[in-house]
């Protein structure tokens, strides 16, 4: 059988194919195949064979679904968990991979096995055979290539999703999950870091009262600057999930540094949808209560200079002195030129203007301002004593200035955004003047 092949790709494809066959064939075929796989696990000691059989069992369960899968759940769970305790890296790595798939597909049916599963995962995390500190050189090399701790983290995350809100009611599994998650967070492996962030994202959804949100927010704020794009994206995803629930509270915990960092990241990559969604969710929650603050925020982004990156040899040199340094490809020569520029007294009469942020970022700020006007207009139409109405009236002058400035910009998109905001402001002002309760836009 191909599921016993030494090649991982062939073995995985064979296991998945067997699972798909079980979903379309009769129950007799499925029972026969499961019996054969169990016999191989019991009698065969070849690591590739045992790993392939574990994969095949998990794929059969994931493809069967329903009552047919539940009938075999107990047997499959006990076998795969026993293989997860095997000392050989190939066996326990793919057994843990199979266990996470089994938990995901079983759903609430796995609830009865949660306590035993979490206890096993805790024991395996402490074993040297399941870490890079394996005894033999061959096992150590395999552990370096295939991170078992990463698979353990995936299994814990799968258990979190199975229990969901019920985590608040089961003390022992909850405490063990929190302990494991805190340990995973300290691991240096990037793959483990990613899965750990996913665990905390789900914990923040299902059991926020048991989490230290200040520590979690600070961790996310630190990791969005990670050199690994996967870690940075996961940190942004977790931050976006938090901002959807209570944006202002998260902003207060993180401080102004988080907002500035997000704008700088968006300036580097204007197509980052995750960052745009964070600001949109924040404005939708906070726009009516702090309308004038959002107008000022958008105005600041339109006039905010880009963050400049200074080479190491220019560290400590002022902007005027940096501009005096001739451009050169030789860092040593440039360093001497910078040192000379520091000693020279330059006249500050001809200082060129700093470059603004990318036009895409400024266009996004204009979009936020336009959405803010729409939100306030709908609130005015629904409520007689709208607080946002007064704030908008106080900011009309500044908004007209922003819109007029954008309507004369060099980029077509900015000009259109500026004209669109002017049109909305005129319509809202006209409706307020006439006392109308409905605001419509062409």
Protein backbone atom coordinates (compact mmCIF):
# COMPACT_ATOMS: atom_id res chain seq x y z
CA UNK A 1 0.00 0.00 0.00
CA UNK A 2 1.17 3.51 -0.78
CA UNK A 3 0.36 4.71 2.73
CA UNK A 4 3.46 2.82 3.93
CA UNK A 5 5.75 4.54 1.40
CA UNK A 6 8.86 6.31 2.68
CA UNK A 7 8.08 9.39 0.60
CA UNK A 8 5.92 11.79 2.62
CA UNK A 9 4.08 13.23 -0.38
CA UNK A 10 3.09 9.80 -1.69
CA UNK A 11 2.09 8.65 1.79
CA UNK A 12 -0.08 11.71 2.43
CA UNK A 13 -1.76 11.52 -0.98
CA UNK A 14 -2.47 7.81 -0.49
CA UNK A 15 -3.98 8.42 2.96
CA UNK A 16 -6.20 11.23 1.65
CA UNK A 17 -7.29 9.10 -1.32
CA UNK A 18 -8.23 6.26 0.99
CA UNK A 19 -10.32 8.69 3.06
CA UNK A 20 -12.17 9.90 -0.03
CA UNK A 21 -12.83 6.31 -1.10
CA UNK A 22 -14.34 5.58 2.30
CA UNK A 23 -16.80 8.46 1.82
CA UNK A 24 -18.20 7.04 -1.42
CA UNK A 25 -17.96 3.30 -0.78
CA UNK A 26 -20.09 1.08 1.42
CA UNK A 27 -19.75 0.76 5.18
CA UNK A 28 -18.36 -2.77 4.73
CA UNK A 29 -15.44 -1.36 2.73
CA UNK A 30 -14.81 1.29 5.39
CA UNK A 31 -14.92 -1.17 8.28
CA UNK A 32 -12.58 -3.52 6.42
CA UNK A 33 -10.06 -0.78 5.72
CA UNK A 34 -10.13 0.47 9.31
CA UNK A 35 -9.55 -3.07 10.58
CA UNK A 36 -6.58 -3.50 8.24
CA UNK A 37 -5.09 -0.18 9.35
CA UNK A 38 -5.47 -1.11 13.01
CA UNK A 39 -3.77 -4.47 12.39
CA UNK A 40 -0.86 -2.74 10.67
CA UNK A 41 -0.45 -0.32 13.56
CA UNK A 42 -0.37 -3.19 16.05
CA UNK A 43 1.89 -5.55 14.11
CA UNK A 44 4.18 -3.28 12.07
CA UNK A 45 7.04 -1.36 13.67
CA UNK A 46 8.18 0.55 10.58
CA UNK A 47 7.82 4.30 11.34
CA UNK A 48 6.60 5.21 7.84
CA UNK A 49 3.94 2.49 8.00
CA UNK A 50 2.62 3.56 11.40
CA UNK A 51 2.63 7.23 10.38
CA UNK A 52 0.76 6.45 7.16
CA UNK A 53 -1.86 4.39 8.98
CA UNK A 54 -2.48 7.22 11.45
CA UNK A 55 -2.93 9.66 8.58
CA UNK A 56 -5.31 7.28 6.79
CA UNK A 57 -7.48 6.91 9.91
CA UNK A 58 -7.77 10.68 10.32
CA UNK A 59 -8.64 11.19 6.65
CA UNK A 60 -11.25 8.43 6.78
CA UNK A 61 -12.88 10.11 9.77
CA UNK A 62 -12.77 13.59 8.20
CA UNK A 63 -14.35 12.36 4.97
CA UNK A 64 -16.98 10.12 6.54
CA UNK A 65 -18.59 12.62 8.90
CA UNK A 66 -21.87 12.16 10.74
CA UNK A 67 -22.85 9.03 12.64
CA UNK A 68 -20.56 6.81 10.57
CA UNK A 69 -17.52 8.73 11.76
CA UNK A 70 -18.73 8.91 15.37
CA UNK A 71 -19.00 5.11 15.44
CA UNK A 72 -15.21 4.83 14.95
CA UNK A 73 -14.17 7.94 16.90
CA UNK A 74 -13.25 6.23 20.19
CA UNK A 75 -11.08 3.58 18.51
CA UNK A 76 -9.34 6.07 16.25
CA UNK A 77 -8.70 8.49 19.08
CA UNK A 78 -7.11 5.89 21.35
CA UNK A 79 -4.89 4.55 18.55
CA UNK A 80 -3.72 7.94 17.30
CA UNK A 81 -3.06 9.18 20.83
CA UNK A 82 -0.95 6.08 21.52
CA UNK A 83 1.03 6.73 18.33
CA UNK A 84 1.50 10.35 19.40
CA UNK A 85 3.44 9.04 22.41
CA UNK A 86 5.80 7.03 20.17
CA UNK A 87 9.42 8.09 20.50
CA UNK A 88 10.19 8.10 16.78
CA UNK A 89 9.81 11.65 15.33
CA UNK A 90 8.19 10.48 12.10
CA UNK A 91 5.52 8.53 13.98
CA UNK A 92 4.61 11.08 16.64
CA UNK A 93 4.79 14.06 14.25
CA UNK A 94 2.25 12.62 11.81
CA UNK A 95 0.20 11.14 14.64
CA UNK A 96 -0.18 14.62 16.14
CA UNK A 97 -1.03 15.97 12.70
CA UNK A 98 -3.71 13.29 12.45
CA UNK A 99 -4.96 14.04 15.96
CA UNK A 100 -5.49 17.75 15.19
CA UNK A 101 -7.43 16.80 12.04
CA UNK A 102 -9.48 14.27 14.00
CA UNK A 103 -10.37 16.86 16.66
CA UNK A 104 -11.33 19.47 14.06
CA UNK A 105 -13.63 17.14 12.16
CA UNK A 106 -15.14 15.48 15.26
CA UNK A 107 -16.29 18.77 16.74
CA UNK A 108 -18.49 18.45 19.81
CA UNK A 109 -18.31 14.64 19.56
CA UNK A 110 -14.75 14.93 20.82
CA UNK A 111 -15.80 16.71 24.02
CA UNK A 112 -15.72 13.47 26.01
CA UNK A 113 -12.05 12.91 25.09
CA UNK A 114 -10.84 16.45 25.87
CA UNK A 115 -9.52 15.82 29.39
CA UNK A 116 -7.46 12.79 28.36
CA UNK A 117 -6.21 14.54 25.24
CA UNK A 118 -5.06 17.69 27.07
CA UNK A 119 -3.33 15.57 29.71
CA UNK A 120 -1.48 13.63 27.02
CA UNK A 121 -0.44 16.80 25.17
CA UNK A 122 0.94 18.24 28.43
CA UNK A 123 3.00 15.11 29.03
CA UNK A 124 4.30 15.01 25.48
CA UNK A 125 5.40 18.65 25.64
CA UNK A 126 7.69 17.78 28.57
CA UNK A 127 9.29 14.77 26.88
CA UNK A 128 12.76 15.14 25.37
CA UNK A 129 11.81 12.71 22.62
CA UNK A 130 9.23 15.22 21.37
CA UNK A 131 11.59 18.19 21.19
CA UNK A 132 14.85 19.16 19.49
CA UNK A 133 16.65 17.78 22.56
CA UNK A 134 16.17 14.25 21.24
CA UNK A 135 18.79 11.71 22.34
CA UNK A 136 20.01 10.38 19.01
CA UNK A 137 21.45 12.55 16.27
CA UNK A 138 19.06 11.14 13.67
CA UNK A 139 16.03 11.89 15.81
CA UNK A 140 17.37 15.36 16.57
CA UNK A 141 17.73 16.11 12.87
CA UNK A 142 14.18 14.96 12.20
CA UNK A 143 12.88 17.13 15.04
CA UNK A 144 14.65 20.13 13.54
CA UNK A 145 12.96 19.51 10.19
CA UNK A 146 9.52 18.70 11.60
CA UNK A 147 8.60 20.71 14.69
CA UNK A 148 6.60 18.47 17.02
CA UNK A 149 5.87 21.41 19.33
CA UNK A 150 4.15 23.13 16.42
CA UNK A 151 1.85 20.11 16.00
CA UNK A 152 1.20 20.07 19.74
CA UNK A 153 0.14 23.71 19.48
CA UNK A 154 -2.21 22.87 16.61
CA UNK A 155 -3.80 20.13 18.71
CA UNK A 156 -4.34 22.52 21.62
CA UNK A 157 -5.92 25.05 19.26
CA UNK A 158 -8.22 22.34 17.91
CA UNK A 159 -9.32 21.49 21.46
CA UNK A 160 -10.01 25.18 22.13
CA UNK A 161 -12.29 25.33 19.10
CA UNK A 162 -14.09 22.13 20.16
CA UNK A 163 -14.92 23.43 23.63
CA UNK A 164 -15.59 27.00 22.55
CA UNK A 165 -17.50 29.02 25.18
CA UNK A 166 -17.69 25.91 27.40
CA UNK A 167 -14.03 26.54 28.31
CA UNK A 168 -15.27 28.90 31.03
CA UNK A 169 -17.08 26.01 32.73
CA UNK A 170 -14.32 23.36 32.77
CA UNK A 171 -11.64 24.49 35.19
CA UNK A 172 -8.99 21.78 34.86
CA UNK A 173 -8.79 21.64 31.03
CA UNK A 174 -8.99 25.44 30.93
CA UNK A 175 -6.06 25.87 33.31
CA UNK A 176 -3.98 23.31 31.43
CA UNK A 177 -4.74 24.99 28.10
CA UNK A 178 -3.74 28.40 29.47
CA UNK A 179 -0.52 26.94 30.87
CA UNK A 180 0.37 25.26 27.59
CA UNK A 181 -0.44 28.40 25.60
CA UNK A 182 1.82 30.50 27.83
CA UNK A 183 4.64 27.98 27.30
CA UNK A 184 4.15 27.89 23.54
CA UNK A 185 4.38 31.68 23.46
CA UNK A 186 7.93 31.47 24.82
CA UNK A 187 9.14 29.11 22.11
CA UNK A 188 11.61 30.60 19.63
CA UNK A 189 10.50 28.57 16.63
CA UNK A 190 8.61 30.75 14.14
CA UNK A 191 6.07 28.04 13.29
CA UNK A 192 5.26 27.59 16.97
CA UNK A 193 4.91 31.35 17.37
CA UNK A 194 2.36 31.45 14.55
CA UNK A 195 0.26 28.63 15.99
CA UNK A 196 0.55 30.16 19.47
CA UNK A 197 -0.88 33.44 18.16
CA UNK A 198 -3.76 31.50 16.61
CA UNK A 199 -4.42 29.84 19.99
CA UNK A 200 -4.52 33.18 21.79
CA UNK A 201 -6.79 34.66 19.14
CA UNK A 202 -9.34 31.92 19.80
CA UNK A 203 -8.88 32.15 23.57
CA UNK A 204 -9.64 35.86 23.37
CA UNK A 205 -12.92 35.01 21.67
CA UNK A 206 -14.10 32.19 23.94
CA UNK A 207 -12.71 33.11 27.37
CA UNK A 208 -11.66 36.78 27.49
CA UNK A 209 -12.20 37.05 31.24
CA UNK A 210 -9.36 34.59 31.91
CA UNK A 211 -6.78 36.35 29.75
CA UNK A 212 -4.28 39.08 30.52
CA UNK A 213 -5.24 41.44 27.72
CA UNK A 214 -2.52 43.99 28.44
CA UNK A 215 0.15 41.36 27.96
CA UNK A 216 -1.57 39.97 24.87
CA UNK A 217 -1.92 43.39 23.24
CA UNK A 218 1.72 44.22 23.97
CA UNK A 219 2.77 40.91 22.42
CA UNK A 220 0.77 41.61 19.27
CA UNK A 221 2.14 45.13 19.10
CA UNK A 222 5.68 43.77 19.28
CA UNK A 223 5.17 40.97 16.75
CA UNK A 224 3.60 43.05 13.99
CA UNK A 225 7.16 44.34 13.41
CA UNK A 226 8.50 40.79 13.00
CA UNK A 227 10.80 40.09 10.06
CA UNK A 228 8.75 36.96 9.34
CA UNK A 229 5.73 38.03 7.29
CA UNK A 230 3.71 35.07 8.58
CA UNK A 231 4.14 36.16 12.20
CA UNK A 232 3.40 39.77 11.32
CA UNK A 233 0.22 38.76 9.48
CA UNK A 234 -0.97 36.58 12.36
CA UNK A 235 -0.32 39.40 14.83
CA UNK A 236 -2.33 41.77 12.64
CA UNK A 237 -5.12 39.20 12.40
CA UNK A 238 -5.24 38.87 16.18
CA UNK A 239 -5.19 42.63 16.61
CA UNK A 240 -8.00 43.00 14.07
CA UNK A 241 -10.07 40.42 15.95
CA UNK A 242 -9.66 42.40 19.17
CA UNK A 243 -10.46 45.71 17.49
CA UNK A 244 -13.72 44.32 16.14
CA UNK A 245 -14.94 43.84 19.71
CA UNK A 246 -13.72 46.96 21.51
CA UNK A 247 -11.42 49.12 19.45
CA UNK A 248 -11.10 52.06 21.84
CA UNK A 249 -10.17 49.85 24.80
CA UNK A 250 -7.43 48.13 22.77
CA UNK A 251 -6.20 51.52 21.53
CA UNK A 252 -5.98 52.74 25.14
CA UNK A 253 -4.00 49.65 26.19
CA UNK A 254 -1.56 49.94 23.30
CA UNK A 255 -1.12 53.72 23.35
CA UNK A 256 -0.46 56.09 20.46
CA UNK A 257 2.54 54.06 19.32
CA UNK A 258 0.29 51.35 17.88
CA UNK A 259 -1.63 53.77 15.66
CA UNK A 260 1.56 55.36 14.34
CA UNK A 261 3.03 51.94 13.67
CA UNK A 262 -0.04 50.85 11.73
CA UNK A 263 0.04 53.96 9.54
CA UNK A 264 3.75 53.43 8.84
CA UNK A 265 3.10 49.80 7.90
CA UNK A 266 0.29 50.87 5.60
CA UNK A 267 2.60 53.41 4.00
CA UNK A 268 5.07 50.63 3.22
CA UNK A 269 2.36 48.31 1.87
CA UNK A 270 -0.77 50.31 0.93
CA UNK A 271 -2.60 47.16 -0.13
CA UNK A 272 -2.73 45.67 3.40
CA UNK A 273 -6.45 44.96 3.83
CA UNK A 274 -5.96 43.86 7.45
CA UNK A 275 -4.72 47.29 8.52
CA UNK A 276 -7.48 49.09 6.65
CA UNK A 277 -10.09 46.87 8.31
CA UNK A 278 -8.64 47.74 11.73
CA UNK A 279 -9.11 51.46 11.12
CA UNK A 280 -12.57 50.98 9.61
CA UNK A 281 -13.77 48.91 12.57
CA UNK A 282 -12.33 51.47 14.94
CA UNK A 283 -14.05 54.36 13.17
CA UNK A 284 -17.40 52.56 12.98
CA UNK A 285 -17.33 52.05 16.75
CA UNK A 286 -15.85 55.38 17.77
CA UNK A 287 -16.78 57.76 14.94
CA UNK A 288 -20.05 59.05 16.41
CA UNK A 289 -18.62 59.60 19.88
CA UNK A 290 -15.38 61.23 18.71
CA UNK A 291 -16.32 62.72 15.37
CA UNK A 292 -14.05 65.76 15.64
CA UNK A 293 -11.08 63.61 16.69
CA UNK A 294 -11.49 61.49 13.56
CA UNK A 295 -11.61 64.57 11.35
CA UNK A 296 -8.35 65.75 12.88
CA UNK A 297 -6.84 62.26 12.53
CA UNK A 298 -7.64 62.15 8.81
CA UNK A 299 -6.26 65.66 8.36
CA UNK A 300 -3.05 64.69 10.14
CA UNK A 301 -2.54 61.70 7.84
CA UNK A 302 -3.00 63.91 4.77
CA UNK A 303 -0.17 66.19 5.93
CA UNK A 304 1.97 63.63 7.74
CA UNK A 305 5.50 63.13 6.35
CA UNK A 306 6.75 59.67 5.54
CA UNK A 307 8.89 57.85 8.04
CA UNK A 308 12.47 57.98 6.84
CA UNK A 309 14.95 55.14 7.31
CA UNK A 310 18.46 56.40 8.04
CA UNK A 311 21.50 54.17 7.37
CA UNK A 312 23.68 53.17 10.30
CA UNK A 313 26.55 55.45 9.28
CA UNK A 314 24.17 58.47 9.47
CA UNK A 315 22.81 57.64 12.92
CA UNK A 316 22.58 60.83 14.99
CA UNK A 317 22.90 63.17 12.03
CA UNK A 318 20.16 65.77 11.61
CA UNK A 319 17.94 65.97 8.53
CA UNK A 320 19.72 69.08 7.27
CA UNK A 321 23.09 67.40 7.61
CA UNK A 322 21.80 64.22 5.92
CA UNK A 323 20.74 66.25 2.90
CA UNK A 324 24.24 67.74 2.77
CA UNK A 325 25.85 64.31 2.47
CA UNK A 326 26.53 63.40 -1.19
CA UNK A 327 24.89 60.23 -2.45
CA UNK A 328 27.44 57.45 -2.86
CA UNK A 329 27.50 53.69 -2.97
CA UNK A 330 30.51 53.48 -0.65
CA UNK A 331 29.38 53.52 2.99
CA UNK A 332 32.86 54.38 4.27
CA UNK A 333 33.08 57.46 2.07
CA UNK A 334 29.53 58.41 3.01
CA UNK A 335 30.42 58.06 6.67
CA UNK A 336 33.32 60.52 6.34
CA UNK A 337 31.04 62.91 4.47
CA UNK A 338 28.47 62.69 7.25
CA UNK A 339 31.11 63.46 9.88
CA UNK A 340 32.15 66.56 7.96
CA UNK A 341 28.52 67.63 7.60
CA UNK A 342 28.01 67.45 11.36
CA UNK A 343 30.80 69.95 11.99
CA UNK A 344 29.65 72.42 9.36
CA UNK A 345 27.13 75.13 10.16
CA UNK A 346 24.60 75.21 7.39
CA UNK A 347 22.09 77.87 6.62
CA UNK A 348 18.52 76.67 7.01
CA UNK A 349 17.19 78.97 4.34
CA UNK A 350 16.57 76.37 1.65
CA UNK A 351 15.01 73.34 3.34
CA UNK A 352 13.04 71.18 0.93
CA UNK A 353 9.65 69.95 2.05
CA UNK A 354 9.46 66.44 3.46
CA UNK A 355 7.73 63.85 1.30
CA UNK A 356 4.16 63.06 2.28
CA UNK A 357 2.86 59.55 2.75
CA UNK A 358 1.90 57.54 -0.33
CA UNK A 359 -1.11 58.82 -2.18
CA UNK A 360 -2.86 55.47 -1.58
CA UNK A 361 -2.64 56.04 2.18
CA UNK A 362 -3.93 59.60 1.86
CA UNK A 363 -6.71 58.32 -0.37
CA UNK A 364 -7.63 55.80 2.34
CA UNK A 365 -7.74 58.64 4.90
CA UNK A 366 -10.14 60.49 2.59
CA UNK A 367 -12.28 57.35 2.35
CA UNK A 368 -12.43 57.20 6.14
CA UNK A 369 -13.51 60.83 6.25
CA UNK A 370 -16.19 60.18 3.64
CA UNK A 371 -17.49 57.16 5.58
CA UNK A 372 -17.52 59.28 8.74
CA UNK A 373 -19.76 61.86 7.08
CA UNK A 374 -22.12 59.09 5.97
CA UNK A 375 -22.26 57.58 9.47
CA UNK A 376 -23.03 60.95 11.03
CA UNK A 377 -25.65 61.70 8.38
CA UNK A 378 -27.48 58.45 9.09
CA UNK A 379 -27.32 59.13 12.84
CA UNK A 380 -28.75 62.62 12.32
CA UNK A 381 -31.60 61.14 10.27
CA UNK A 382 -32.39 58.63 13.02
CA UNK A 383 -31.94 60.77 16.15
CA UNK A 384 -33.20 64.26 16.89
CA UNK A 385 -30.53 65.20 19.42
CA UNK A 386 -27.51 63.72 17.71
CA UNK A 387 -24.26 64.48 19.53
CA UNK A 388 -22.29 63.74 16.38
CA UNK A 389 -24.27 66.44 14.54
CA UNK A 390 -22.82 69.18 16.76
CA UNK A 391 -19.31 67.78 16.41
CA UNK A 392 -19.70 67.64 12.64
CA UNK A 393 -20.94 71.23 12.51
CA UNK A 394 -17.87 72.35 14.46
CA UNK A 395 -15.59 70.50 12.05
CA UNK A 396 -17.27 71.60 8.81
CA UNK A 397 -14.72 74.33 8.16
CA UNK A 398 -11.78 72.00 8.63
CA UNK A 399 -13.40 69.30 6.50
CA UNK A 400 -14.01 71.75 3.65
CA UNK A 401 -10.37 72.76 3.85
CA UNK A 402 -9.30 69.10 3.70
CA UNK A 403 -11.63 68.31 0.81
CA UNK A 404 -10.62 71.39 -1.17
CA UNK A 405 -6.93 70.61 -0.68
CA UNK A 406 -7.49 67.04 -1.89
CA UNK A 407 -9.54 68.20 -4.87
CA UNK A 408 -6.50 70.11 -6.14
CA UNK A 409 -4.02 67.25 -5.64
CA UNK A 410 -2.03 65.73 -8.45
CA UNK A 411 -3.58 62.25 -8.21
CA UNK A 412 -6.96 61.76 -9.86
CA UNK A 413 -8.23 59.49 -7.08
CA UNK A 414 -7.51 62.12 -4.43
CA UNK A 415 -9.23 64.83 -6.48
CA UNK A 416 -12.34 62.67 -6.86
CA UNK A 417 -12.37 61.87 -3.13
CA UNK A 418 -12.11 65.56 -2.27
CA UNK A 419 -14.96 66.47 -4.60
CA UNK A 420 -17.07 63.62 -3.21
CA UNK A 421 -16.60 64.83 0.36
CA UNK A 422 -17.49 68.39 -0.65
CA UNK A 423 -20.68 67.07 -2.23
CA UNK A 424 -21.59 65.12 0.92
CA UNK A 425 -20.90 68.09 3.18
CA UNK A 426 -23.11 70.34 1.06
CA UNK A 427 -25.98 67.84 1.09
CA UNK A 428 -25.73 67.23 4.85
CA UNK A 429 -25.56 70.97 5.56
CA UNK A 430 -28.54 71.62 3.30
CA UNK A 431 -30.59 68.93 5.01
CA UNK A 432 -29.72 70.27 8.47
CA UNK A 433 -30.63 73.77 7.43
CA UNK A 434 -34.02 72.72 6.08
CA UNK A 435 -34.69 70.39 9.00
CA UNK A 436 -35.00 67.29 6.83
CA UNK A 437 -34.67 63.89 8.45
CA UNK A 438 -33.50 61.92 5.40
CA UNK A 439 -30.13 62.28 3.75
CA UNK A 440 -29.62 60.82 0.30
CA UNK A 441 -26.53 60.73 -1.88
CA UNK A 442 -26.41 60.59 -5.62
